[in-house]
Every structure is written in C-alpha cells, then in structure tokens.
Protein backbone atom coordinates (compact mmCIF):
# COMPACT_ATOMS: atom_id res chain seq x y z
CA MET A 1 64.72 73.62 107.24
CA LYS A 2 65.46 76.20 104.55
CA GLU A 3 66.38 78.81 107.17
CA GLU A 4 68.69 76.42 108.98
CA PHE A 5 70.51 75.54 105.75
CA SER A 6 70.71 79.00 104.52
CA MET A 7 72.01 80.37 107.81
CA GLY A 8 74.29 77.40 108.46
CA ILE A 9 75.79 77.05 105.00
CA PHE A 10 75.05 80.41 103.45
CA SER A 11 74.61 83.78 105.07
CA PRO A 12 73.40 86.38 102.58
CA SER A 13 74.13 89.34 104.84
CA ALA A 14 77.62 88.20 105.53
CA ALA A 15 78.36 87.86 101.81
CA ASN A 16 76.84 91.29 100.81
CA PHE A 17 74.29 89.84 98.33
CA ASN A 18 71.54 92.05 96.99
CA VAL A 19 67.89 91.05 97.38
CA GLY A 20 67.72 89.43 93.91
CA GLU A 21 70.87 87.37 94.39
CA THR A 22 69.62 86.24 97.78
CA ALA A 23 66.27 85.19 96.22
CA LEU A 24 68.07 83.19 93.59
CA LEU A 25 70.39 81.55 96.16
CA GLU A 26 67.39 80.70 98.30
CA GLN A 27 65.71 79.09 95.29
CA LEU A 28 68.83 77.07 94.58
CA ILE A 29 69.00 76.00 98.22
CA ASN A 30 65.34 74.97 98.24
CA LEU A 31 65.81 72.82 95.07
CA ILE A 32 69.02 71.27 96.47
CA LEU A 33 67.06 70.22 99.65
CA ASN A 34 64.03 69.03 97.72
CA PRO A 35 63.89 65.17 97.91
CA GLU A 36 62.46 65.02 94.38
CA THR A 37 65.52 66.74 92.88
CA THR A 38 67.62 64.18 91.04
CA LYS A 39 71.27 63.59 91.76
CA ASP A 40 72.31 65.25 88.47
CA GLU A 41 70.12 68.24 89.11
CA ARG A 42 71.45 68.63 92.64
CA ALA A 43 75.03 68.54 91.38
CA ALA A 44 74.25 71.32 88.83
CA LEU A 45 72.44 73.41 91.41
CA THR A 46 75.27 72.98 93.87
CA THR A 47 77.77 74.11 91.33
CA ALA A 48 75.71 77.22 90.65
CA LYS A 49 75.24 77.99 94.32
CA LYS A 50 78.98 77.79 94.93
CA ALA A 51 79.69 80.00 91.98
CA LEU A 52 77.22 82.62 93.16
CA GLU A 53 78.73 82.50 96.69
CA GLN A 54 82.12 83.14 95.06
CA LYS A 55 80.58 86.23 93.39
CA THR A 56 80.71 84.89 89.81
CA SER A 57 78.55 87.01 87.63
CA VAL A 58 74.82 86.04 87.87
CA ALA A 59 74.62 86.02 84.01
CA LYS A 60 77.43 83.47 83.74
CA VAL A 61 76.07 81.35 86.46
CA VAL A 62 72.59 81.26 84.92
CA ASN A 63 73.95 80.56 81.46
CA ASP A 64 76.14 77.68 82.78
CA LEU A 65 73.21 76.24 84.74
CA LEU A 66 70.95 76.37 81.68
CA ASN A 67 73.57 74.66 79.59
CA GLU A 68 74.10 71.97 82.16
CA LEU A 69 70.34 71.25 82.53
CA MET A 70 69.52 71.37 78.85
CA LEU A 71 69.86 67.67 78.13
CA ALA A 72 67.53 66.79 81.03
CA ALA A 73 65.03 69.39 79.85
CA VAL A 74 65.00 68.15 76.25
CA GLY A 75 64.58 64.59 77.39
CA LEU A 76 61.78 65.67 79.81
CA LYS A 77 63.66 63.96 82.66
CA MET A 78 63.38 66.75 85.28
CA SER A 79 61.77 66.67 88.68
CA PRO A 80 58.61 68.78 88.88
CA GLU A 81 60.13 71.68 90.84
CA MET A 82 63.11 71.73 88.47
CA LYS A 83 60.82 72.01 85.48
CA SER A 84 59.34 75.14 86.93
CA PHE A 85 62.70 76.59 87.81
CA TYR A 86 64.22 75.72 84.39
CA SER A 87 61.24 77.26 82.66
CA LYS A 88 61.73 80.51 84.51
CA LEU A 89 65.43 80.63 83.57
CA TYR A 90 64.88 79.55 79.96
CA ASN A 91 61.93 81.92 79.33
CA ASN A 92 63.87 84.88 80.70
CA ARG A 93 67.32 83.93 79.34
CA SER A 94 67.75 86.99 77.08
CA ALA A 95 67.02 89.34 80.02
CA LEU A 96 69.28 87.25 82.31
CA LYS A 97 72.17 87.28 79.81
CA ALA A 98 72.07 91.03 79.77
CA LEU A 99 71.75 91.18 83.49
CA GLU A 100 73.07 94.29 85.09
CA THR A 101 74.45 94.52 88.56
CA GLY A 102 72.85 96.77 91.12
CA ALA A 103 69.17 97.68 91.33
CA ALA A 104 68.08 96.57 87.86
CA GLY A 105 69.68 93.13 88.23
CA SER A 106 68.38 92.67 91.73
CA THR A 107 64.82 93.66 90.63
CA LEU A 108 64.83 91.17 87.75
CA LEU A 109 66.11 88.33 89.96
CA PHE A 110 63.69 89.16 92.76
CA SER A 111 60.74 89.26 90.37
CA LEU A 112 61.60 85.80 89.12
CA PHE A 113 62.63 84.04 92.39
CA GLY A 114 61.53 86.26 95.29
C-alpha cells in the first residue's frame, strides 16, 4: 500500500529528492496511512508532506511539524507510531534545525527515517 500511495501521489525520482528527503517523505506517508493516526496528526503530517513536496526547507518543515504536534505530545495524546516519530524529531531537533542541504542533510535524514 505504501508503494501505491508513494508512486500514485508522490514520486521521489520525479521531484529530485535526495535519499534523506525521500526517507522522511516515506515516513510521513506511512503515518498518514496508518489507521491509528488521529485526525489532527494526519492533518499536520499532510501539511508537512505538501511543504516538502513544494521544496520548502526540511529544517522549516520539521520545526513547523514539531510546533504543531507539541500540544498533543505534552498531553500524551498521540497514537503509538506518532509518539515514536515525534521522539525522533524532538530528540534530534538541534541537528535538524541546523540541517544542511546535500550529502550531510541527506545522511542525517536517512539515519533517522531510512
């Protein structure tokens, strides 16, 4: 199902995404499709996915997503998969904020989500 969605709605090769950006987008897609993901989580993930597809900087997308999910995280009202995803983002936020483009950025994203 992931492959159908990613190829039907999102084509990494057509958009010239690096390996790390592709890994992050695939993670977002998997969470969007996860039936345990709440409506609010899905909305935040979809916004992040669209921003990445429009080539918004990864650092900005991650920061915006963290901010949008913060209230749910503080209230411990996240679905299990989102807790894991949010933890990765939150625990690596300083590295993600300073995210570079190119090989260094791709390597960091791939190590987190690939």
